[in-house]
């Protein structure tokens, strides 16, 4: 079964500048803009914004 283009895999990069990334899937119909999530950065040892990378 092929992966859906409606829910692509996106890479979330830390805005703290540590280079830490998370990989997740998003629904393009609900979130057409870049995704930003508040997640834990183990390098910075705190919660920071993670922004979708293209």
N, C-alpha and C. Protein backbone atom coordinates (compact mmCIF):
# COMPACT_ATOMS: atom_id res chain seq x y z
N UNK A 1 0.83 -1.18 0.00
CA UNK A 1 0.00 0.00 0.00
C UNK A 1 0.88 1.25 0.00
N UNK A 2 0.57 2.19 -0.86
CA UNK A 2 1.37 3.40 -0.96
C UNK A 2 1.01 4.39 0.15
N UNK A 3 1.98 5.19 0.53
CA UNK A 3 1.73 6.24 1.53
C UNK A 3 0.90 7.34 0.90
N UNK A 4 0.02 7.91 1.69
CA UNK A 4 -0.88 8.94 1.19
C UNK A 4 -0.16 10.28 1.09
N UNK A 5 -0.41 11.00 0.02
CA UNK A 5 0.13 12.34 -0.14
C UNK A 5 -0.63 13.35 0.71
N UNK A 6 -1.80 12.95 1.20
CA UNK A 6 -2.58 13.82 2.07
C UNK A 6 -1.92 13.95 3.44
N UNK A 7 -1.21 12.90 3.90
CA UNK A 7 -0.54 12.91 5.20
C UNK A 7 0.95 12.67 5.00
N UNK A 8 1.69 13.67 4.55
CA UNK A 8 3.12 13.47 4.30
C UNK A 8 3.93 13.44 5.60
N UNK A 9 5.11 12.84 5.52
CA UNK A 9 6.05 12.83 6.64
C UNK A 9 6.76 14.17 6.65
N UNK A 10 6.80 14.84 7.81
CA UNK A 10 7.48 16.12 7.93
C UNK A 10 8.52 16.04 9.04
N UNK A 11 9.57 16.82 8.89
CA UNK A 11 10.64 16.89 9.88
C UNK A 11 10.48 18.18 10.66
N UNK A 12 10.47 18.08 11.99
CA UNK A 12 10.35 19.24 12.87
C UNK A 12 11.72 19.54 13.46
N UNK A 13 12.23 20.76 13.23
CA UNK A 13 13.55 21.15 13.74
C UNK A 13 13.40 22.15 14.87
N UNK A 14 14.24 22.02 15.88
CA UNK A 14 14.18 22.88 17.06
C UNK A 14 14.54 24.32 16.71
N UNK A 15 13.79 25.28 17.28
CA UNK A 15 14.10 26.69 17.07
C UNK A 15 15.15 27.18 18.05
N UNK A 16 15.58 26.31 18.98
CA UNK A 16 16.62 26.69 19.94
C UNK A 16 18.01 26.64 19.32
N UNK A 17 18.11 26.10 18.10
CA UNK A 17 19.39 26.07 17.41
C UNK A 17 20.27 24.89 17.80
N UNK A 18 19.70 23.88 18.44
CA UNK A 18 20.49 22.72 18.86
C UNK A 18 20.63 21.68 17.76
N UNK A 19 19.76 21.75 16.74
CA UNK A 19 19.82 20.77 15.66
C UNK A 19 19.02 19.52 15.90
N UNK A 20 18.32 19.44 17.04
CA UNK A 20 17.50 18.26 17.34
C UNK A 20 16.25 18.28 16.47
N UNK A 21 15.84 17.09 15.99
CA UNK A 21 14.67 17.00 15.11
C UNK A 21 13.74 15.91 15.59
N UNK A 22 12.46 16.07 15.27
CA UNK A 22 11.43 15.04 15.42
C UNK A 22 10.86 14.79 14.04
N UNK A 23 10.37 13.57 13.81
CA UNK A 23 9.72 13.22 12.55
C UNK A 23 8.29 12.83 12.87
N UNK A 24 7.34 13.40 12.13
CA UNK A 24 5.93 13.13 12.35
C UNK A 24 5.18 13.21 11.03
N UNK A 25 3.88 12.96 11.06
CA UNK A 25 3.04 13.09 9.89
C UNK A 25 2.01 14.16 10.15
N UNK A 26 1.59 14.85 9.10
CA UNK A 26 0.57 15.88 9.27
C UNK A 26 -0.49 15.77 8.19
N UNK A 27 -1.66 16.29 8.48
CA UNK A 27 -2.76 16.28 7.53
C UNK A 27 -2.73 17.61 6.77
N UNK A 28 -2.47 17.55 5.49
CA UNK A 28 -2.37 18.78 4.68
C UNK A 28 -3.69 19.52 4.58
N UNK A 29 -4.80 18.80 4.67
CA UNK A 29 -6.11 19.43 4.56
C UNK A 29 -6.39 20.30 5.79
N UNK A 30 -6.01 19.84 6.98
CA UNK A 30 -6.23 20.60 8.22
C UNK A 30 -5.13 21.61 8.49
N UNK A 31 -3.89 21.32 8.11
CA UNK A 31 -2.74 22.18 8.38
C UNK A 31 -1.97 22.48 7.10
N UNK A 32 -2.48 23.36 6.24
CA UNK A 32 -1.76 23.63 5.00
C UNK A 32 -0.49 24.46 5.22
N UNK A 33 -0.42 25.22 6.32
CA UNK A 33 0.76 26.03 6.61
C UNK A 33 1.82 25.18 7.31
N UNK A 34 2.96 25.81 7.61
CA UNK A 34 4.00 25.10 8.33
C UNK A 34 3.55 24.80 9.75
N UNK A 35 3.85 23.60 10.20
CA UNK A 35 3.44 23.13 11.51
C UNK A 35 4.43 23.60 12.57
N UNK A 36 3.94 24.11 13.70
CA UNK A 36 4.80 24.44 14.84
C UNK A 36 4.22 23.77 16.07
N UNK A 37 5.06 23.06 16.81
CA UNK A 37 4.64 22.35 18.01
C UNK A 37 5.61 22.64 19.14
N UNK A 38 5.10 22.72 20.36
CA UNK A 38 5.93 22.89 21.54
C UNK A 38 6.30 21.50 22.05
N UNK A 39 7.57 21.13 21.90
CA UNK A 39 8.04 19.80 22.29
C UNK A 39 9.32 19.92 23.09
N UNK A 40 9.73 18.81 23.71
CA UNK A 40 10.92 18.80 24.56
C UNK A 40 12.18 18.65 23.71
N UNK A 41 13.16 19.50 23.97
CA UNK A 41 14.47 19.42 23.32
C UNK A 41 15.46 18.88 24.34
N UNK A 42 15.92 17.64 24.18
CA UNK A 42 16.83 17.05 25.17
C UNK A 42 18.20 17.71 25.21
N UNK A 43 18.62 18.35 24.14
CA UNK A 43 19.91 19.03 24.14
C UNK A 43 19.82 20.31 24.96
N UNK A 44 18.75 21.10 24.77
CA UNK A 44 18.54 22.33 25.53
C UNK A 44 17.94 22.04 26.91
N UNK A 45 17.40 20.83 27.09
CA UNK A 45 16.78 20.37 28.34
C UNK A 45 15.62 21.25 28.77
N UNK A 46 14.79 21.64 27.79
CA UNK A 46 13.56 22.37 28.07
C UNK A 46 12.62 22.25 26.88
N UNK A 47 11.38 22.69 27.07
CA UNK A 47 10.40 22.69 25.99
C UNK A 47 10.61 23.93 25.12
N UNK A 48 10.71 23.73 23.82
CA UNK A 48 10.88 24.84 22.86
C UNK A 48 9.97 24.59 21.67
N UNK A 49 9.81 25.60 20.83
CA UNK A 49 9.03 25.44 19.61
C UNK A 49 9.82 24.65 18.57
N UNK A 50 9.15 23.73 17.94
CA UNK A 50 9.72 22.99 16.82
C UNK A 50 8.94 23.37 15.60
N UNK A 51 9.64 23.73 14.51
CA UNK A 51 9.00 24.22 13.30
C UNK A 51 9.23 23.25 12.15
N UNK A 52 8.23 23.12 11.31
CA UNK A 52 8.32 22.22 10.17
C UNK A 52 9.40 22.69 9.21
N UNK A 53 10.19 21.73 8.75
CA UNK A 53 11.26 22.01 7.79
C UNK A 53 10.82 21.50 6.43
N UNK A 54 11.13 22.21 5.38
CA UNK A 54 10.74 21.76 4.04
C UNK A 54 11.87 20.98 3.40
